[in-house]
Amino acid sequence: VVQFELGGTWAVRDPRRLPTEMWTQFDAASFMAYAGYDLYLVGDVGWLPVPPSFFDLGKRPTESRWNDEGHGLFVQGNVLCVHRTHAPAALKRVVWSSAASLLGIIAGLYGVEFLAEASGRAAVAASGNAYFINFIHNKSRNMLLRTVPVARFVDKVIFRELCASLGIVTVRAIGVYDSGEEVPFNSLPKEGCVVKSNKGAGRMRVVPERDLLTDLDVASIRNDMSSWGKPYWNKELEPQYELTVPKIIVEELMDPVPAEFKVFVWKGRARFIMTLVYESKALRKPEAVFRDFYSMNFECLPCGDFYGRILDAGVASWVEHEVASNRTAVLELRRVAERLASAVPDLDLVRVDFYWRDQQWVGSELTLTPWLIQYQVAECELDLLSL
């Protein structure tokens, strides 16, 4: 691990530089990248992944990152250099976690093409033998996501219709509404339910049981729903959601939350599965989830994910007993995942998500940009896309 300081002494005409010290910030960054390091601009609370071209004077010299004290342009700050092979695994995991959360900033400031290079450089392995499903989110893929034939099935309402046309069960819908103001809280199921947006991720609220539902609850939920139709926060990287006409879906409340099985379909073939088994329906957070990876034959793979491997013997036993031993269910998961993914033309990677409930696969959603196409599979020696 190396950290070096940026600042005005890197400017080409700075009088403090000796004639023999002619490297620019771009030269230094390029050398470190060539030596096997990934580069991060150090911030107050995290690390922003940057490629060497971030420091290239020939690219976007008018942007705000540049400073000039009269001796030439330079970037201020500090750069952390983390070796992809030799740096400690724990450190790499922490830095990558921060970097992944900041990739959207790069797109917003410098555009999608710049992000492609930055995110490629930022794919830091969590261990020396890690494998990354590292699809660069390039311009051609981004343009595909802006077309209706590719993007239409990320609309959760249209996804339901697709599932119905193929005989695939989905979570029971109680109603679909054009806005949150139309949702009739007084007539919702007395046992509670879920309201969610058909657009994007994370736009969901649990409606309490009717006897416990207060006016404050209703006001809070309506306030949240009023923002769900706005442009998705990451619309430059995930433009597909902006082709979705916003609606509100009211679904039955699944108690407890069933296990999720996320199938990665690469070039038409289902390759592997990530499982999520929740500790509690009220704790839908990473730390409250047991995650693991399986081949399409439900062989447990020696892999972890973005949060590290969280394997529980009881959960593994449950997956084996409940699903893996059911040959019909195993074959059916592959079939329905590939069938749903085939509805999206021309796209390399589609992730299709299911619940396992009442001994059958229940369609959940279809995702075209899982974790910004920078899906990290840590501590894994396998090329998962060749499975």
Protein backbone atom coordinates (compact mmCIF):
# COMPACT_ATOMS: atom_id res chain seq x y z
CA VAL A 1 0.00 0.00 0.00
CA VAL A 2 1.40 3.41 -1.02
CA GLN A 3 0.03 6.87 -0.43
CA PHE A 4 1.45 9.99 -2.05
CA GLU A 5 0.57 13.65 -1.73
CA LEU A 6 -0.74 15.74 -4.58
CA GLY A 7 -0.52 19.52 -4.73
CA GLY A 8 1.16 22.44 -6.45
CA THR A 9 4.68 20.99 -6.51
CA TRP A 10 3.47 18.67 -9.27
CA ALA A 11 2.71 21.63 -11.58
CA VAL A 12 5.09 21.60 -14.54
CA ARG A 13 6.45 25.14 -13.94
CA ASP A 14 6.61 25.07 -10.15
CA PRO A 15 9.97 26.61 -9.10
CA ARG A 16 10.40 24.04 -6.32
CA ARG A 17 10.85 21.26 -8.86
CA LEU A 18 14.35 20.24 -9.85
CA PRO A 19 15.12 19.90 -13.56
CA THR A 20 15.41 16.13 -13.07
CA GLU A 21 11.97 15.89 -11.42
CA MET A 22 9.76 16.17 -14.46
CA TRP A 23 7.09 13.58 -13.73
CA THR A 24 3.53 14.86 -13.77
CA GLN A 25 0.70 13.54 -11.62
CA PHE A 26 -0.42 11.62 -14.69
CA ASP A 27 3.04 10.03 -15.06
CA ALA A 28 3.05 8.94 -11.42
CA ALA A 29 -0.47 7.54 -11.59
CA SER A 30 0.28 5.68 -14.81
CA PHE A 31 3.43 4.14 -13.29
CA MET A 32 1.55 2.94 -10.21
CA ALA A 33 -1.22 1.45 -12.35
CA TYR A 34 1.38 -0.30 -14.52
CA ALA A 35 2.94 -1.73 -11.34
CA GLY A 36 -0.35 -3.36 -10.38
CA TYR A 37 -1.90 -0.74 -8.09
CA ASP A 38 -5.43 0.64 -8.13
CA LEU A 39 -5.74 4.34 -7.35
CA TYR A 40 -8.11 6.12 -4.97
CA LEU A 41 -8.47 9.80 -4.25
CA VAL A 42 -8.58 10.11 -0.47
CA GLY A 43 -11.61 11.91 0.93
CA ASP A 44 -12.86 12.87 4.36
CA VAL A 45 -14.89 9.68 4.71
CA GLY A 46 -13.90 7.37 1.88
CA TRP A 47 -11.85 6.61 -1.22
CA LEU A 48 -12.91 7.61 -4.73
CA PRO A 49 -11.62 5.23 -7.45
CA VAL A 50 -9.77 7.14 -10.18
CA PRO A 51 -7.92 5.95 -13.31
CA PRO A 52 -4.61 7.51 -14.39
CA SER A 53 -6.48 9.63 -16.95
CA PHE A 54 -8.05 11.50 -14.02
CA PHE A 55 -4.72 13.36 -13.89
CA ASP A 56 -4.23 13.73 -17.66
CA LEU A 57 -3.84 17.41 -18.55
CA GLY A 58 -5.03 16.64 -22.04
CA LYS A 59 -8.49 15.64 -20.81
CA ARG A 60 -11.10 18.13 -19.58
CA PRO A 61 -8.63 20.76 -18.31
CA THR A 62 -11.45 23.18 -17.46
CA GLU A 63 -13.15 20.94 -14.89
CA SER A 64 -13.30 21.86 -11.22
CA ARG A 65 -10.84 19.23 -10.03
CA TRP A 66 -7.98 21.24 -11.47
CA ASN A 67 -6.13 23.91 -9.50
CA ASP A 68 -3.62 26.48 -10.78
CA GLU A 69 -1.39 28.65 -8.60
CA GLY A 70 0.27 30.23 -11.60
CA HIS A 71 2.68 27.40 -12.44
CA GLY A 72 0.36 24.97 -14.22
CA LEU A 73 -2.58 22.70 -13.52
CA PHE A 74 -2.62 20.12 -10.73
CA VAL A 75 -5.04 18.10 -8.60
CA GLN A 76 -5.06 18.70 -4.86
CA GLY A 77 -5.29 15.97 -2.23
CA ASN A 78 -3.77 12.55 -1.62
CA VAL A 79 -3.81 9.32 -3.60
CA LEU A 80 -4.00 5.88 -1.99
CA CYS A 81 -2.47 3.11 -4.11
CA VAL A 82 -3.57 -0.42 -3.25
CA HIS A 83 -1.87 -3.37 -4.91
CA ARG A 84 -4.36 -5.78 -6.43
CA THR A 85 -2.41 -8.87 -5.35
CA HIS A 86 -0.19 -8.08 -2.39
CA ALA A 87 -2.22 -5.66 -0.25
CA PRO A 88 -3.96 -7.15 2.83
CA ALA A 89 -7.32 -8.68 1.98
CA ALA A 90 -9.13 -6.93 4.83
CA LEU A 91 -7.88 -3.52 3.71
CA LYS A 92 -8.87 -4.16 0.11
CA ARG A 93 -12.35 -5.16 1.20
CA VAL A 94 -12.83 -1.93 3.18
CA VAL A 95 -11.49 0.30 0.41
CA TRP A 96 -13.53 -1.41 -2.29
CA SER A 97 -16.71 -1.12 -0.24
CA SER A 98 -16.19 2.64 -0.01
CA ALA A 99 -15.18 2.91 -3.67
CA ALA A 100 -18.23 1.02 -4.94
CA SER A 101 -20.55 3.40 -3.10
CA LEU A 102 -18.91 6.38 -4.82
CA LEU A 103 -18.90 5.18 -8.44
CA GLY A 104 -22.08 7.15 -9.12
CA ILE A 105 -20.24 10.36 -8.22
CA ILE A 106 -17.75 9.72 -11.00
CA ALA A 107 -20.53 9.30 -13.55
CA GLY A 108 -22.24 12.48 -12.38
CA LEU A 109 -19.07 14.56 -12.50
CA TYR A 110 -17.23 13.13 -15.46
CA GLY A 111 -19.67 11.02 -17.47
CA VAL A 112 -20.26 7.36 -18.19
CA GLU A 113 -17.26 6.87 -20.49
CA PHE A 114 -14.94 8.16 -17.77
CA LEU A 115 -16.65 5.85 -15.28
CA ALA A 116 -15.89 2.84 -17.48
CA GLU A 117 -12.17 3.37 -17.05
CA ALA A 118 -12.43 4.33 -13.37
CA SER A 119 -14.60 1.40 -12.38
CA GLY A 120 -12.36 -0.99 -14.27
CA ARG A 121 -9.34 0.25 -12.33
CA ALA A 122 -11.32 0.22 -9.11
CA ALA A 123 -12.15 -3.47 -9.22
CA VAL A 124 -9.82 -4.30 -6.36
CA ALA A 125 -9.81 -7.96 -5.37
CA ALA A 126 -10.64 -8.77 -1.78
CA SER A 127 -7.96 -11.44 -1.82
CA GLY A 128 -5.13 -12.48 -4.09
CA ASN A 129 -7.22 -15.18 -5.75
CA ALA A 130 -10.46 -13.22 -6.06
CA TYR A 131 -12.57 -13.25 -9.19
CA PHE A 132 -14.66 -10.31 -10.39
CA ILE A 133 -17.59 -10.36 -12.71
CA ASN A 134 -16.29 -7.10 -14.05
CA PHE A 135 -18.41 -5.94 -16.97
CA ILE A 136 -17.35 -2.43 -17.81
CA HIS A 137 -20.41 -0.24 -18.04
CA ASN A 138 -19.41 1.15 -21.40
CA LYS A 139 -21.16 3.47 -23.80
CA SER A 140 -22.65 0.77 -26.04
CA ARG A 141 -24.18 -1.10 -23.09
CA ASN A 142 -25.47 2.15 -21.63
CA MET A 143 -27.13 2.99 -24.95
CA LEU A 144 -28.85 -0.41 -25.01
CA LEU A 145 -30.29 0.31 -21.56
CA ARG A 146 -31.94 3.42 -23.01
CA THR A 147 -34.03 1.41 -25.48
CA VAL A 148 -37.58 0.25 -24.75
CA PRO A 149 -37.13 -3.42 -25.84
CA VAL A 150 -34.24 -3.84 -23.39
CA ALA A 151 -35.52 -1.68 -20.54
CA ARG A 152 -39.23 -2.44 -20.42
CA PHE A 153 -39.13 -5.48 -18.13
CA VAL A 154 -37.40 -3.66 -15.26
CA ASP A 155 -40.87 -2.17 -14.78
CA LYS A 156 -42.18 -4.45 -12.02
CA VAL A 157 -45.73 -4.24 -13.40
CA ILE A 158 -44.63 -5.37 -16.88
CA PHE A 159 -42.41 -8.03 -15.30
CA ARG A 160 -45.51 -9.42 -13.58
CA GLU A 161 -47.30 -9.54 -16.92
CA LEU A 162 -44.35 -11.36 -18.49
CA CYS A 163 -44.34 -13.93 -15.68
CA ALA A 164 -48.08 -14.46 -16.05
CA SER A 165 -47.70 -15.06 -19.80
CA LEU A 166 -45.15 -17.80 -19.03
CA GLY A 167 -47.10 -19.38 -16.20
CA ILE A 168 -44.68 -18.16 -13.52
CA VAL A 169 -46.17 -17.22 -10.17
CA THR A 170 -45.46 -13.79 -8.64
CA VAL A 171 -46.21 -12.29 -5.22
CA ARG A 172 -49.95 -11.62 -4.96
CA ALA A 173 -50.78 -8.08 -6.01
CA ILE A 174 -53.60 -6.34 -4.14
CA GLY A 175 -53.69 -3.33 -6.43
CA VAL A 176 -51.74 -1.14 -8.84
CA TYR A 177 -52.15 2.64 -8.67
CA ASP A 178 -50.92 5.61 -10.66
CA SER A 179 -49.85 7.52 -7.56
CA GLY A 180 -49.54 7.13 -3.81
CA GLU A 181 -52.53 9.41 -3.28
CA GLU A 182 -54.76 6.77 -4.86
CA VAL A 183 -53.80 4.02 -2.40
CA PRO A 184 -56.88 3.31 -0.21
CA PHE A 185 -55.30 2.69 3.20
CA ASN A 186 -58.67 2.18 4.88
CA SER A 187 -59.41 -0.87 2.74
CA LEU A 188 -55.99 -2.50 2.68
CA PRO A 189 -55.66 -5.99 4.22
CA LYS A 190 -56.02 -5.97 7.99
CA GLU A 191 -52.90 -8.14 8.36
CA GLY A 192 -50.75 -5.48 6.68
CA CYS A 193 -49.14 -5.33 3.25
CA VAL A 194 -46.28 -3.86 1.25
CA VAL A 195 -46.33 -0.80 -0.99
CA LYS A 196 -43.55 -0.49 -3.55
CA SER A 197 -42.63 1.43 -6.65
CA ASN A 198 -42.50 -0.34 -9.99
CA LYS A 199 -39.37 1.69 -10.71
CA GLY A 200 -35.86 1.17 -9.36
CA ALA A 201 -34.75 -0.44 -6.11
CA GLY A 202 -35.22 0.43 -2.47
CA ARG A 203 -38.57 2.15 -2.97
CA MET A 204 -40.69 0.05 -0.63
CA ARG A 205 -42.55 0.40 2.67
CA VAL A 206 -44.29 -2.10 4.92
CA VAL A 207 -47.81 -1.03 5.89
CA PRO A 208 -48.57 -2.14 9.47
CA GLU A 209 -51.60 -4.16 10.47
CA ARG A 210 -54.74 -2.08 10.18
CA ASP A 211 -55.30 -2.00 13.94
CA LEU A 212 -51.82 -0.58 14.42
CA LEU A 213 -51.84 1.81 11.43
CA THR A 214 -51.85 5.45 12.55
CA ASP A 215 -52.45 8.68 10.66
CA LEU A 216 -48.75 9.44 11.10
CA ASP A 217 -47.91 6.12 9.43
CA VAL A 218 -50.16 6.94 6.49
CA ALA A 219 -48.71 10.45 6.13
CA SER A 220 -45.16 9.10 6.27
CA ILE A 221 -45.82 6.38 3.68
CA ARG A 222 -47.63 8.78 1.34
CA ASN A 223 -44.73 11.22 1.65
CA ASP A 224 -42.27 8.49 0.64
CA MET A 225 -44.45 7.37 -2.25
CA SER A 226 -44.64 10.94 -3.57
CA SER A 227 -40.89 10.80 -4.34
CA TRP A 228 -40.83 7.38 -5.97
CA GLY A 229 -41.77 8.67 -9.40
CA LYS A 230 -38.79 11.02 -9.54
CA PRO A 231 -35.74 10.20 -11.68
CA TYR A 232 -33.74 7.33 -10.26
CA TRP A 233 -30.77 8.52 -8.21
CA ASN A 234 -28.33 6.77 -10.51
CA LYS A 235 -29.99 7.57 -13.81
CA GLU A 236 -26.75 8.09 -15.76
CA LEU A 237 -25.53 4.58 -14.99
CA GLU A 238 -28.95 2.94 -14.85
CA PRO A 239 -30.99 4.83 -17.46
CA GLN A 240 -33.36 1.91 -18.01
CA TYR A 241 -35.53 3.01 -15.08
CA GLU A 242 -36.34 6.34 -16.72
CA LEU A 243 -38.39 4.50 -19.38
CA THR A 244 -40.69 3.18 -16.64
CA VAL A 245 -44.01 4.97 -16.15
CA PRO A 246 -44.20 5.33 -12.34
CA LYS A 247 -46.86 3.31 -10.53
CA ILE A 248 -47.46 2.04 -7.01
CA ILE A 249 -47.89 -1.70 -6.41
CA VAL A 250 -49.59 -2.99 -3.28
CA GLU A 251 -48.55 -6.56 -2.49
CA GLU A 252 -49.32 -9.09 0.18
CA LEU A 253 -46.98 -9.05 3.15
CA MET A 254 -44.86 -12.20 3.12
CA ASP A 255 -44.19 -13.20 6.70
CA PRO A 256 -41.51 -14.38 7.07
CA VAL A 257 -39.64 -13.10 4.03
CA PRO A 258 -38.85 -16.16 1.86
CA ALA A 259 -35.32 -16.97 0.78
CA GLU A 260 -34.25 -15.24 -2.44
CA PHE A 261 -32.40 -16.90 -5.29
CA LYS A 262 -30.73 -14.51 -7.73
CA VAL A 263 -29.77 -16.18 -10.99
CA PHE A 264 -27.07 -14.62 -13.17
CA VAL A 265 -27.82 -15.31 -16.84
CA TRP A 266 -24.82 -14.60 -19.06
CA LYS A 267 -25.30 -14.67 -22.84
CA GLY A 268 -28.47 -16.70 -22.57
CA ARG A 269 -27.26 -19.32 -20.09
CA ALA A 270 -27.93 -19.40 -16.36
CA ARG A 271 -24.43 -19.62 -14.83
CA PHE A 272 -24.71 -19.38 -11.04
CA ILE A 273 -26.96 -18.38 -8.14
CA MET A 274 -26.61 -16.10 -5.18
CA THR A 275 -28.88 -16.98 -2.27
CA LEU A 276 -30.19 -14.58 0.37
CA VAL A 277 -31.78 -16.00 3.49
CA TYR A 278 -33.15 -13.36 5.86
CA GLU A 279 -32.89 -13.62 9.62
CA SER A 280 -36.06 -11.56 10.04
CA LYS A 281 -38.67 -9.92 7.86
CA ALA A 282 -37.93 -6.66 9.67
CA LEU A 283 -34.19 -6.72 8.97
CA ARG A 284 -33.73 -6.50 5.23
CA LYS A 285 -30.16 -5.28 5.57
CA PRO A 286 -26.86 -6.83 4.46
CA GLU A 287 -25.81 -7.68 7.99
CA ALA A 288 -29.11 -9.51 8.55
CA VAL A 289 -28.75 -11.77 5.53
CA PHE A 290 -26.99 -15.08 5.02
CA ARG A 291 -25.55 -15.06 1.50
CA ASP A 292 -23.85 -17.75 -0.48
CA PHE A 293 -23.13 -18.82 -4.04
CA TYR A 294 -24.15 -21.99 -5.83
CA SER A 295 -23.69 -23.49 -9.25
CA MET A 296 -26.84 -24.15 -11.24
CA ASN A 297 -26.67 -27.72 -9.90
CA PHE A 298 -26.66 -26.29 -6.36
CA GLU A 299 -23.08 -27.17 -5.59
CA CYS A 300 -21.97 -24.69 -2.94
CA LEU A 301 -19.19 -22.54 -4.42
CA PRO A 302 -16.15 -21.35 -2.44
CA CYS A 303 -17.07 -17.70 -2.82
CA GLY A 304 -18.19 -14.70 -0.84
CA ASP A 305 -19.76 -11.49 -2.05
CA PHE A 306 -19.44 -7.73 -1.69
CA TYR A 307 -19.86 -8.01 2.09
CA GLY A 308 -17.58 -11.02 2.47
CA ARG A 309 -18.68 -14.59 2.86
CA ILE A 310 -21.48 -15.07 5.36
CA LEU A 311 -22.09 -18.79 5.47
CA ASP A 312 -24.19 -20.39 8.17
CA ALA A 313 -24.23 -24.16 8.53
CA GLY A 314 -27.92 -24.16 9.36
CA VAL A 315 -28.77 -22.11 6.29
CA ALA A 316 -26.60 -24.31 4.05
CA SER A 317 -28.38 -27.36 5.43
CA TRP A 318 -31.75 -25.72 4.77
CA VAL A 319 -30.83 -24.92 1.15
CA GLU A 320 -29.64 -28.50 0.66
CA HIS A 321 -32.76 -30.04 2.18
CA GLU A 322 -35.31 -27.58 0.83
CA VAL A 323 -34.09 -26.95 -2.71
CA ALA A 324 -30.93 -28.75 -3.78
CA SER A 325 -32.37 -32.19 -3.13
CA ASN A 326 -35.43 -31.33 -5.24
CA ARG A 327 -34.20 -32.15 -8.73
CA THR A 328 -37.36 -30.84 -10.37
CA ALA A 329 -37.00 -27.48 -8.62
CA VAL A 330 -33.33 -27.23 -9.61
CA LEU A 331 -34.09 -27.84 -13.29
CA GLU A 332 -37.10 -25.55 -13.20
CA LEU A 333 -35.06 -22.64 -11.79
CA ARG A 334 -32.67 -22.80 -14.73
CA ARG A 335 -35.53 -23.03 -17.21
CA VAL A 336 -37.58 -20.10 -15.91
CA ALA A 337 -34.53 -17.88 -15.36
CA GLU A 338 -33.30 -18.38 -18.93
CA ARG A 339 -36.81 -17.95 -20.30
CA LEU A 340 -37.35 -14.65 -18.51
CA ALA A 341 -33.87 -13.36 -19.40
CA SER A 342 -34.47 -14.17 -23.07
CA ALA A 343 -37.18 -11.48 -23.13
CA VAL A 344 -34.37 -8.90 -22.96
CA PRO A 345 -32.71 -8.70 -26.40
CA ASP A 346 -29.01 -8.10 -27.06
CA LEU A 347 -27.86 -7.69 -23.45
CA ASP A 348 -24.96 -9.78 -22.13
CA LEU A 349 -25.95 -10.04 -18.46
CA VAL A 350 -29.42 -10.28 -16.91
CA ARG A 351 -30.05 -11.20 -13.29
CA VAL A 352 -33.42 -12.80 -12.57
CA ASP A 353 -34.58 -12.92 -8.95
CA PHE A 354 -36.95 -15.43 -7.39
CA TYR A 355 -38.38 -16.30 -4.01
CA TRP A 356 -38.67 -19.94 -2.94
CA ARG A 357 -42.11 -20.15 -1.37
CA ASP A 358 -44.57 -22.99 -0.88
CA GLN A 359 -42.33 -25.36 -2.83
CA GLN A 360 -42.33 -23.24 -5.98
CA TRP A 361 -40.38 -20.44 -7.65
CA VAL A 362 -42.01 -17.04 -7.31
CA GLY A 363 -40.86 -14.32 -9.70
CA SER A 364 -39.50 -11.21 -7.96
CA GLU A 365 -37.80 -8.92 -10.46
CA LEU A 366 -35.40 -8.63 -13.36
CA THR A 367 -32.20 -6.60 -13.03
CA LEU A 368 -29.97 -5.36 -15.86
CA THR A 369 -27.27 -3.60 -13.82
CA PRO A 370 -26.66 -5.71 -10.72
CA TRP A 371 -24.42 -3.64 -8.45
CA LEU A 372 -23.43 -1.39 -11.36
CA ILE A 373 -22.00 -4.35 -13.25
CA GLN A 374 -19.16 -4.35 -10.75
CA TYR A 375 -20.35 -7.44 -8.94
CA GLN A 376 -17.64 -8.58 -6.60
CA VAL A 377 -17.19 -12.24 -5.83
CA ALA A 378 -14.52 -12.45 -3.18
CA GLU A 379 -12.29 -15.32 -2.10
CA CYS A 380 -13.10 -17.31 -5.22
CA GLU A 381 -10.80 -19.12 -7.63
CA LEU A 382 -13.56 -19.90 -10.12
CA ASP A 383 -14.47 -18.19 -13.37
CA LEU A 384 -18.17 -18.15 -12.53
CA LEU A 385 -19.28 -17.28 -16.05
CA SER A 386 -17.73 -20.46 -17.39
CA LEU A 387 -19.80 -22.70 -15.12
